[in-house]
Amino acid sequence: RLTGLFFKELALSVKDVAITVLNP
């Protein structure tokens, strides 16, 4: 469960950071 939560949060965070980088 902890591993699954980590990978879910990792994917959401990567998306958020990518959107921020692509839209300064």
mmCIF file of all heavy atoms, coordinates in Angstrom:
data_MODEL
# 
_entry.id   MODEL 
# 
loop_
_atom_site.group_PDB 
_atom_site.id 
_atom_site.type_symbol 
_atom_site.label_atom_id 
_atom_site.label_alt_id 
_atom_site.label_comp_id 
_atom_site.label_asym_id 
_atom_site.label_entity_id 
_atom_site.label_seq_id 
_atom_site.pdbx_PDB_ins_code 
_atom_site.Cartn_x 
_atom_site.Cartn_y 
_atom_site.Cartn_z 
_atom_site.occupancy 
_atom_site.B_iso_or_equiv 
_atom_site.pdbx_formal_charge 
_atom_site.auth_seq_id 
_atom_site.auth_comp_id 
_atom_site.auth_asym_id 
_atom_site.auth_atom_id 
_atom_site.pdbx_PDB_model_num 
ATOM 1   N N   . ARG A 1 1  ? 0.833  -1.208 0.000   1.00 0.00 ? 1  ARG A N   1 
ATOM 2   C CA  . ARG A 1 1  ? 0.000  0.000  0.000   1.00 0.00 ? 1  ARG A CA  1 
ATOM 3   C C   . ARG A 1 1  ? 0.870  1.262  0.000   1.00 0.00 ? 1  ARG A C   1 
ATOM 4   O O   . ARG A 1 1  ? 0.601  2.217  -0.730  1.00 0.00 ? 1  ARG A O   1 
ATOM 5   C CB  . ARG A 1 1  ? -0.903 -0.033 1.229   1.00 0.00 ? 1  ARG A CB  1 
ATOM 6   C CG  . ARG A 1 1  ? -1.879 1.079  1.289   1.00 0.00 ? 1  ARG A CG  1 
ATOM 7   C CD  . ARG A 1 1  ? -2.833 0.832  2.423   1.00 0.00 ? 1  ARG A CD  1 
ATOM 8   N NE  . ARG A 1 1  ? -3.445 2.091  2.785   1.00 0.00 ? 1  ARG A NE  1 
ATOM 9   C CZ  . ARG A 1 1  ? -4.468 2.198  3.569   1.00 0.00 ? 1  ARG A CZ  1 
ATOM 10  N NH1 . ARG A 1 1  ? -5.001 1.127  4.107   1.00 0.00 ? 1  ARG A NH1 1 
ATOM 11  N NH2 . ARG A 1 1  ? -4.977 3.362  3.853   1.00 0.00 ? 1  ARG A NH2 1 
ATOM 12  N N   . LEU A 1 2  ? 1.927  1.283  0.824   1.00 0.00 ? 2  LEU A N   1 
ATOM 13  C CA  . LEU A 1 2  ? 2.849  2.423  0.861   1.00 0.00 ? 2  LEU A CA  1 
ATOM 14  C C   . LEU A 1 2  ? 3.542  2.606  -0.478  1.00 0.00 ? 2  LEU A C   1 
ATOM 15  O O   . LEU A 1 2  ? 3.646  3.726  -0.987  1.00 0.00 ? 2  LEU A O   1 
ATOM 16  C CB  . LEU A 1 2  ? 3.885  2.230  1.978   1.00 0.00 ? 2  LEU A CB  1 
ATOM 17  C CG  . LEU A 1 2  ? 4.939  3.328  2.114   1.00 0.00 ? 2  LEU A CG  1 
ATOM 18  C CD1 . LEU A 1 2  ? 4.300  4.671  2.443   1.00 0.00 ? 2  LEU A CD1 1 
ATOM 19  C CD2 . LEU A 1 2  ? 5.958  2.943  3.173   1.00 0.00 ? 2  LEU A CD2 1 
ATOM 20  N N   . THR A 1 3  ? 3.979  1.508  -1.082  1.00 0.00 ? 3  THR A N   1 
ATOM 21  C CA  . THR A 1 3  ? 4.639  1.580  -2.395  1.00 0.00 ? 3  THR A CA  1 
ATOM 22  C C   . THR A 1 3  ? 3.685  2.114  -3.460  1.00 0.00 ? 3  THR A C   1 
ATOM 23  O O   . THR A 1 3  ? 4.057  2.975  -4.264  1.00 0.00 ? 3  THR A O   1 
ATOM 24  C CB  . THR A 1 3  ? 5.168  0.190  -2.798  1.00 0.00 ? 3  THR A CB  1 
ATOM 25  O OG1 . THR A 1 3  ? 6.068  -0.274 -1.787  1.00 0.00 ? 3  THR A OG1 1 
ATOM 26  C CG2 . THR A 1 3  ? 5.887  0.235  -4.137  1.00 0.00 ? 3  THR A CG2 1 
ATOM 27  N N   . GLY A 1 4  ? 2.457  1.628  -3.450  1.00 0.00 ? 4  GLY A N   1 
ATOM 28  C CA  . GLY A 1 4  ? 1.465  2.113  -4.407  1.00 0.00 ? 4  GLY A CA  1 
ATOM 29  C C   . GLY A 1 4  ? 1.178  3.596  -4.225  1.00 0.00 ? 4  GLY A C   1 
ATOM 30  O O   . GLY A 1 4  ? 1.086  4.348  -5.210  1.00 0.00 ? 4  GLY A O   1 
ATOM 31  N N   . LEU A 1 5  ? 1.039  4.028  -2.974  1.00 0.00 ? 5  LEU A N   1 
ATOM 32  C CA  . LEU A 1 5  ? 0.813  5.443  -2.697  1.00 0.00 ? 5  LEU A CA  1 
ATOM 33  C C   . LEU A 1 5  ? 1.978  6.286  -3.187  1.00 0.00 ? 5  LEU A C   1 
ATOM 34  O O   . LEU A 1 5  ? 1.780  7.340  -3.792  1.00 0.00 ? 5  LEU A O   1 
ATOM 35  C CB  . LEU A 1 5  ? 0.594  5.678  -1.199  1.00 0.00 ? 5  LEU A CB  1 
ATOM 36  C CG  . LEU A 1 5  ? 0.467  7.144  -0.773  1.00 0.00 ? 5  LEU A CG  1 
ATOM 37  C CD1 . LEU A 1 5  ? -0.795 7.764  -1.357  1.00 0.00 ? 5  LEU A CD1 1 
ATOM 38  C CD2 . LEU A 1 5  ? 0.488  7.264  0.739   1.00 0.00 ? 5  LEU A CD2 1 
ATOM 39  N N   . PHE A 1 6  ? 3.200  5.809  -2.947  1.00 0.00 ? 6  PHE A N   1 
ATOM 40  C CA  . PHE A 1 6  ? 4.379  6.562  -3.386  1.00 0.00 ? 6  PHE A CA  1 
ATOM 41  C C   . PHE A 1 6  ? 4.366  6.743  -4.904  1.00 0.00 ? 6  PHE A C   1 
ATOM 42  O O   . PHE A 1 6  ? 4.574  7.852  -5.396  1.00 0.00 ? 6  PHE A O   1 
ATOM 43  C CB  . PHE A 1 6  ? 5.677  5.879  -2.945  1.00 0.00 ? 6  PHE A CB  1 
ATOM 44  C CG  . PHE A 1 6  ? 6.888  6.548  -3.518  1.00 0.00 ? 6  PHE A CG  1 
ATOM 45  C CD1 . PHE A 1 6  ? 7.307  7.777  -3.020  1.00 0.00 ? 6  PHE A CD1 1 
ATOM 46  C CD2 . PHE A 1 6  ? 7.578  5.982  -4.561  1.00 0.00 ? 6  PHE A CD2 1 
ATOM 47  C CE1 . PHE A 1 6  ? 8.405  8.420  -3.559  1.00 0.00 ? 6  PHE A CE1 1 
ATOM 48  C CE2 . PHE A 1 6  ? 8.685  6.616  -5.107  1.00 0.00 ? 6  PHE A CE2 1 
ATOM 49  C CZ  . PHE A 1 6  ? 9.104  7.843  -4.602  1.00 0.00 ? 6  PHE A CZ  1 
ATOM 50  N N   . PHE A 1 7  ? 4.122  5.663  -5.646  1.00 0.00 ? 7  PHE A N   1 
ATOM 51  C CA  . PHE A 1 7  ? 4.142  5.782  -7.103  1.00 0.00 ? 7  PHE A CA  1 
ATOM 52  C C   . PHE A 1 7  ? 2.995  6.651  -7.624  1.00 0.00 ? 7  PHE A C   1 
ATOM 53  O O   . PHE A 1 7  ? 3.160  7.380  -8.610  1.00 0.00 ? 7  PHE A O   1 
ATOM 54  C CB  . PHE A 1 7  ? 4.163  4.403  -7.768  1.00 0.00 ? 7  PHE A CB  1 
ATOM 55  C CG  . PHE A 1 7  ? 5.518  3.768  -7.712  1.00 0.00 ? 7  PHE A CG  1 
ATOM 56  C CD1 . PHE A 1 7  ? 5.737  2.632  -6.965  1.00 0.00 ? 7  PHE A CD1 1 
ATOM 57  C CD2 . PHE A 1 7  ? 6.598  4.330  -8.382  1.00 0.00 ? 7  PHE A CD2 1 
ATOM 58  C CE1 . PHE A 1 7  ? 6.991  2.059  -6.891  1.00 0.00 ? 7  PHE A CE1 1 
ATOM 59  C CE2 . PHE A 1 7  ? 7.859  3.774  -8.317  1.00 0.00 ? 7  PHE A CE2 1 
ATOM 60  C CZ  . PHE A 1 7  ? 8.058  2.630  -7.568  1.00 0.00 ? 7  PHE A CZ  1 
ATOM 61  N N   . LYS A 1 8  ? 1.850  6.604  -6.969  1.00 0.00 ? 8  LYS A N   1 
ATOM 62  C CA  . LYS A 1 8  ? 0.740  7.485  -7.349  1.00 0.00 ? 8  LYS A CA  1 
ATOM 63  C C   . LYS A 1 8  ? 1.131  8.950  -7.130  1.00 0.00 ? 8  LYS A C   1 
ATOM 64  O O   . LYS A 1 8  ? 0.961  9.795  -8.021  1.00 0.00 ? 8  LYS A O   1 
ATOM 65  C CB  . LYS A 1 8  ? -0.509 7.148  -6.532  1.00 0.00 ? 8  LYS A CB  1 
ATOM 66  C CG  . LYS A 1 8  ? -1.678 8.061  -6.803  1.00 0.00 ? 8  LYS A CG  1 
ATOM 67  C CD  . LYS A 1 8  ? -2.820 7.773  -5.845  1.00 0.00 ? 8  LYS A CD  1 
ATOM 68  C CE  . LYS A 1 8  ? -3.342 9.103  -5.377  1.00 0.00 ? 8  LYS A CE  1 
ATOM 69  N NZ  . LYS A 1 8  ? -3.952 9.137  -4.106  1.00 0.00 ? 8  LYS A NZ  1 
ATOM 70  N N   . GLU A 1 9  ? 1.667  9.264  -5.941  1.00 0.00 ? 9  GLU A N   1 
ATOM 71  C CA  . GLU A 1 9  ? 2.087  10.635 -5.638  1.00 0.00 ? 9  GLU A CA  1 
ATOM 72  C C   . GLU A 1 9  ? 3.236  11.076 -6.546  1.00 0.00 ? 9  GLU A C   1 
ATOM 73  O O   . GLU A 1 9  ? 3.305  12.239 -6.939  1.00 0.00 ? 9  GLU A O   1 
ATOM 74  C CB  . GLU A 1 9  ? 2.478  10.765 -4.172  1.00 0.00 ? 9  GLU A CB  1 
ATOM 75  C CG  . GLU A 1 9  ? 1.312  10.628 -3.220  1.00 0.00 ? 9  GLU A CG  1 
ATOM 76  C CD  . GLU A 1 9  ? 0.264  11.726 -3.392  1.00 0.00 ? 9  GLU A CD  1 
ATOM 77  O OE1 . GLU A 1 9  ? 0.626  12.876 -3.716  1.00 0.00 ? 9  GLU A OE1 1 
ATOM 78  O OE2 . GLU A 1 9  ? -0.923 11.425 -3.200  1.00 0.00 ? 9  GLU A OE2 1 
ATOM 79  N N   . LEU A 1 10 ? 4.123  10.153 -6.864  1.00 0.00 ? 10 LEU A N   1 
ATOM 80  C CA  . LEU A 1 10 ? 5.234  10.463 -7.781  1.00 0.00 ? 10 LEU A CA  1 
ATOM 81  C C   . LEU A 1 10 ? 4.696  10.880 -9.149  1.00 0.00 ? 10 LEU A C   1 
ATOM 82  O O   . LEU A 1 10 ? 5.108  11.904 -9.706  1.00 0.00 ? 10 LEU A O   1 
ATOM 83  C CB  . LEU A 1 10 ? 6.157  9.249  -7.913  1.00 0.00 ? 10 LEU A CB  1 
ATOM 84  C CG  . LEU A 1 10 ? 7.346  9.395  -8.845  1.00 0.00 ? 10 LEU A CG  1 
ATOM 85  C CD1 . LEU A 1 10 ? 8.333  10.418 -8.307  1.00 0.00 ? 10 LEU A CD1 1 
ATOM 86  C CD2 . LEU A 1 10 ? 8.039  8.044  -9.021  1.00 0.00 ? 10 LEU A CD2 1 
ATOM 87  N N   . ALA A 1 11 ? 3.745  10.117 -9.679  1.00 0.00 ? 11 ALA A N   1 
ATOM 88  C CA  . ALA A 1 11 ? 3.172  10.442 -10.992 1.00 0.00 ? 11 ALA A CA  1 
ATOM 89  C C   . ALA A 1 11 ? 2.449  11.788 -10.968 1.00 0.00 ? 11 ALA A C   1 
ATOM 90  O O   . ALA A 1 11 ? 2.621  12.611 -11.883 1.00 0.00 ? 11 ALA A O   1 
ATOM 91  C CB  . ALA A 1 11 ? 2.214  9.334  -11.430 1.00 0.00 ? 11 ALA A CB  1 
ATOM 92  N N   . LEU A 1 12 ? 1.660  12.045 -9.924  1.00 0.00 ? 12 LEU A N   1 
ATOM 93  C CA  . LEU A 1 12 ? 0.951  13.326 -9.824  1.00 0.00 ? 12 LEU A CA  1 
ATOM 94  C C   . LEU A 1 12 ? 1.936  14.493 -9.700  1.00 0.00 ? 12 LEU A C   1 
ATOM 95  O O   . LEU A 1 12 ? 1.722  15.559 -10.299 1.00 0.00 ? 12 LEU A O   1 
ATOM 96  C CB  . LEU A 1 12 ? -0.004 13.310 -8.630  1.00 0.00 ? 12 LEU A CB  1 
ATOM 97  C CG  . LEU A 1 12 ? -1.201 12.360 -8.741  1.00 0.00 ? 12 LEU A CG  1 
ATOM 98  C CD1 . LEU A 1 12 ? -1.947 12.291 -7.405  1.00 0.00 ? 12 LEU A CD1 1 
ATOM 99  C CD2 . LEU A 1 12 ? -2.122 12.775 -9.869  1.00 0.00 ? 12 LEU A CD2 1 
ATOM 100 N N   . SER A 1 13 ? 3.004  14.304 -8.949  1.00 0.00 ? 13 SER A N   1 
ATOM 101 C CA  . SER A 1 13 ? 3.988  15.371 -8.759  1.00 0.00 ? 13 SER A CA  1 
ATOM 102 C C   . SER A 1 13 ? 4.782  15.636 -10.030 1.00 0.00 ? 13 SER A C   1 
ATOM 103 O O   . SER A 1 13 ? 5.063  16.796 -10.359 1.00 0.00 ? 13 SER A O   1 
ATOM 104 C CB  . SER A 1 13 ? 4.945  15.016 -7.623  1.00 0.00 ? 13 SER A CB  1 
ATOM 105 O OG  . SER A 1 13 ? 4.244  14.953 -6.414  1.00 0.00 ? 13 SER A OG  1 
ATOM 106 N N   . VAL A 1 14 ? 5.152  14.578 -10.741 1.00 0.00 ? 14 VAL A N   1 
ATOM 107 C CA  . VAL A 1 14 ? 5.866  14.758 -12.007 1.00 0.00 ? 14 VAL A CA  1 
ATOM 108 C C   . VAL A 1 14 ? 4.993  15.547 -12.982 1.00 0.00 ? 14 VAL A C   1 
ATOM 109 O O   . VAL A 1 14 ? 5.467  16.471 -13.659 1.00 0.00 ? 14 VAL A O   1 
ATOM 110 C CB  . VAL A 1 14 ? 6.284  13.394 -12.608 1.00 0.00 ? 14 VAL A CB  1 
ATOM 111 C CG1 . VAL A 1 14 ? 6.709  13.533 -14.055 1.00 0.00 ? 14 VAL A CG1 1 
ATOM 112 C CG2 . VAL A 1 14 ? 7.399  12.769 -11.783 1.00 0.00 ? 14 VAL A CG2 1 
ATOM 113 N N   . LYS A 1 15 ? 3.710  15.221 -13.033 1.00 0.00 ? 15 LYS A N   1 
ATOM 114 C CA  . LYS A 1 15 ? 2.778  15.951 -13.900 1.00 0.00 ? 15 LYS A CA  1 
ATOM 115 C C   . LYS A 1 15 ? 2.719  17.424 -13.509 1.00 0.00 ? 15 LYS A C   1 
ATOM 116 O O   . LYS A 1 15 ? 2.800  18.307 -14.368 1.00 0.00 ? 15 LYS A O   1 
ATOM 117 C CB  . LYS A 1 15 ? 1.388  15.323 -13.808 1.00 0.00 ? 15 LYS A CB  1 
ATOM 118 C CG  . LYS A 1 15 ? 0.333  16.049 -14.584 1.00 0.00 ? 15 LYS A CG  1 
ATOM 119 C CD  . LYS A 1 15 ? -1.028 15.441 -14.337 1.00 0.00 ? 15 LYS A CD  1 
ATOM 120 C CE  . LYS A 1 15 ? -2.096 16.391 -14.806 1.00 0.00 ? 15 LYS A CE  1 
ATOM 121 N NZ  . LYS A 1 15 ? -3.372 16.171 -14.162 1.00 0.00 ? 15 LYS A NZ  1 
ATOM 122 N N   . ASP A 1 16 ? 2.599  17.701 -12.211 1.00 0.00 ? 16 ASP A N   1 
ATOM 123 C CA  . ASP A 1 16 ? 2.507  19.083 -11.732 1.00 0.00 ? 16 ASP A CA  1 
ATOM 124 C C   . ASP A 1 16 ? 3.778  19.869 -12.047 1.00 0.00 ? 16 ASP A C   1 
ATOM 125 O O   . ASP A 1 16 ? 3.715  21.013 -12.516 1.00 0.00 ? 16 ASP A O   1 
ATOM 126 C CB  . ASP A 1 16 ? 2.232  19.098 -10.230 1.00 0.00 ? 16 ASP A CB  1 
ATOM 127 C CG  . ASP A 1 16 ? 1.926  20.485 -9.713  1.00 0.00 ? 16 ASP A CG  1 
ATOM 128 O OD1 . ASP A 1 16 ? 1.126  21.200 -10.355 1.00 0.00 ? 16 ASP A OD1 1 
ATOM 129 O OD2 . ASP A 1 16 ? 2.482  20.862 -8.664  1.00 0.00 ? 16 ASP A OD2 1 
ATOM 130 N N   . VAL A 1 17 ? 4.935  19.264 -11.824 1.00 0.00 ? 17 VAL A N   1 
ATOM 131 C CA  . VAL A 1 17 ? 6.205  19.947 -12.115 1.00 0.00 ? 17 VAL A CA  1 
ATOM 132 C C   . VAL A 1 17 ? 6.352  20.161 -13.618 1.00 0.00 ? 17 VAL A C   1 
ATOM 133 O O   . VAL A 1 17 ? 6.776  21.239 -14.062 1.00 0.00 ? 17 VAL A O   1 
ATOM 134 C CB  . VAL A 1 17 ? 7.404  19.159 -11.536 1.00 0.00 ? 17 VAL A CB  1 
ATOM 135 C CG1 . VAL A 1 17 ? 8.728  19.723 -12.033 1.00 0.00 ? 17 VAL A CG1 1 
ATOM 136 C CG2 . VAL A 1 17 ? 7.360  19.183 -10.005 1.00 0.00 ? 17 VAL A CG2 1 
ATOM 137 N N   . ALA A 1 18 ? 5.995  19.172 -14.420 1.00 0.00 ? 18 ALA A N   1 
ATOM 138 C CA  . ALA A 1 18 ? 6.093  19.315 -15.875 1.00 0.00 ? 18 ALA A CA  1 
ATOM 139 C C   . ALA A 1 18 ? 5.198  20.438 -16.386 1.00 0.00 ? 18 ALA A C   1 
ATOM 140 O O   . ALA A 1 18 ? 5.606  21.237 -17.238 1.00 0.00 ? 18 ALA A O   1 
ATOM 141 C CB  . ALA A 1 18 ? 5.728  18.001 -16.557 1.00 0.00 ? 18 ALA A CB  1 
ATOM 142 N N   . ILE A 1 19 ? 3.981  20.531 -15.867 1.00 0.00 ? 19 ILE A N   1 
ATOM 143 C CA  . ILE A 1 19 ? 3.074  21.610 -16.271 1.00 0.00 ? 19 ILE A CA  1 
ATOM 144 C C   . ILE A 1 19 ? 3.673  22.964 -15.904 1.00 0.00 ? 19 ILE A C   1 
ATOM 145 O O   . ILE A 1 19 ? 3.617  23.918 -16.685 1.00 0.00 ? 19 ILE A O   1 
ATOM 146 C CB  . ILE A 1 19 ? 1.677  21.424 -15.638 1.00 0.00 ? 19 ILE A CB  1 
ATOM 147 C CG1 . ILE A 1 19 ? 0.966  20.240 -16.277 1.00 0.00 ? 19 ILE A CG1 1 
ATOM 148 C CG2 . ILE A 1 19 ? 0.837  22.685 -15.760 1.00 0.00 ? 19 ILE A CG2 1 
ATOM 149 C CD1 . ILE A 1 19 ? -0.312 19.814 -15.575 1.00 0.00 ? 19 ILE A CD1 1 
ATOM 150 N N   . THR A 1 20 ? 4.275  23.052 -14.736 1.00 0.00 ? 20 THR A N   1 
ATOM 151 C CA  . THR A 1 20 ? 4.889  24.308 -14.297 1.00 0.00 ? 20 THR A CA  1 
ATOM 152 C C   . THR A 1 20 ? 6.072  24.682 -15.186 1.00 0.00 ? 20 THR A C   1 
ATOM 153 O O   . THR A 1 20 ? 6.237  25.846 -15.555 1.00 0.00 ? 20 THR A O   1 
ATOM 154 C CB  . THR A 1 20 ? 5.341  24.194 -12.823 1.00 0.00 ? 20 THR A CB  1 
ATOM 155 O OG1 . THR A 1 20 ? 4.188  23.902 -12.018 1.00 0.00 ? 20 THR A OG1 1 
ATOM 156 C CG2 . THR A 1 20 ? 5.972  25.480 -12.342 1.00 0.00 ? 20 THR A CG2 1 
ATOM 157 N N   . VAL A 1 21 ? 6.877  23.702 -15.553 1.00 0.00 ? 21 VAL A N   1 
ATOM 158 C CA  . VAL A 1 21 ? 8.040  23.969 -16.416 1.00 0.00 ? 21 VAL A CA  1 
ATOM 159 C C   . VAL A 1 21 ? 7.594  24.378 -17.815 1.00 0.00 ? 21 VAL A C   1 
ATOM 160 O O   . VAL A 1 21 ? 8.162  25.297 -18.418 1.00 0.00 ? 21 VAL A O   1 
ATOM 161 C CB  . VAL A 1 21 ? 8.965  22.733 -16.479 1.00 0.00 ? 21 VAL A CB  1 
ATOM 162 C CG1 . VAL A 1 21 ? 10.007 22.866 -17.571 1.00 0.00 ? 21 VAL A CG1 1 
ATOM 163 C CG2 . VAL A 1 21 ? 9.626  22.497 -15.124 1.00 0.00 ? 21 VAL A CG2 1 
ATOM 164 N N   . LEU A 1 22 ? 6.590  23.708 -18.342 1.00 0.00 ? 22 LEU A N   1 
ATOM 165 C CA  . LEU A 1 22 ? 6.118  23.997 -19.694 1.00 0.00 ? 22 LEU A CA  1 
ATOM 166 C C   . LEU A 1 22 ? 5.279  25.265 -19.779 1.00 0.00 ? 22 LEU A C   1 
ATOM 167 O O   . LEU A 1 22 ? 5.078  25.805 -20.864 1.00 0.00 ? 22 LEU A O   1 
ATOM 168 C CB  . LEU A 1 22 ? 5.316  22.807 -20.232 1.00 0.00 ? 22 LEU A CB  1 
ATOM 169 C CG  . LEU A 1 22 ? 6.129  21.520 -20.431 1.00 0.00 ? 22 LEU A CG  1 
ATOM 170 C CD1 . LEU A 1 22 ? 5.202  20.368 -20.785 1.00 0.00 ? 22 LEU A CD1 1 
ATOM 171 C CD2 . LEU A 1 22 ? 7.206  21.709 -21.476 1.00 0.00 ? 22 LEU A CD2 1 
ATOM 172 N N   . ASN A 1 23 ? 4.790  25.747 -18.648 1.00 0.00 ? 23 ASN A N   1 
ATOM 173 C CA  . ASN A 1 23 ? 3.974  26.955 -18.622 1.00 0.00 ? 23 ASN A CA  1 
ATOM 174 C C   . ASN A 1 23 ? 4.556  27.910 -17.577 1.00 0.00 ? 23 ASN A C   1 
ATOM 175 O O   . ASN A 1 23 ? 4.045  28.010 -16.461 1.00 0.00 ? 23 ASN A O   1 
ATOM 176 C CB  . ASN A 1 23 ? 2.524  26.595 -18.279 1.00 0.00 ? 23 ASN A CB  1 
ATOM 177 C CG  . ASN A 1 23 ? 1.606  27.788 -18.326 1.00 0.00 ? 23 ASN A CG  1 
ATOM 178 O OD1 . ASN A 1 23 ? 2.007  28.883 -18.722 1.00 0.00 ? 23 ASN A OD1 1 
ATOM 179 N ND2 . ASN A 1 23 ? 0.373  27.583 -17.896 1.00 0.00 ? 23 ASN A ND2 1 
ATOM 180 N N   . PRO A 1 24 ? 5.643  28.613 -17.934 1.00 0.00 ? 24 PRO A N   1 
ATOM 181 C CA  . PRO A 1 24 ? 6.315  29.467 -16.953 1.00 0.00 ? 24 PRO A CA  1 
ATOM 182 C C   . PRO A 1 24 ? 5.443  30.590 -16.390 1.00 0.00 ? 24 PRO A C   1 
ATOM 183 O O   . PRO A 1 24 ? 5.746  31.129 -15.326 1.00 0.00 ? 24 PRO A O   1 
ATOM 184 C CB  . PRO A 1 24 ? 7.495  30.063 -17.722 1.00 0.00 ? 24 PRO A CB  1 
ATOM 185 C CG  . PRO A 1 24 ? 7.569  29.357 -19.020 1.00 0.00 ? 24 PRO A CG  1 
ATOM 186 C CD  . PRO A 1 24 ? 6.276  28.626 -19.221 1.00 0.00 ? 24 PRO A CD  1 
# 
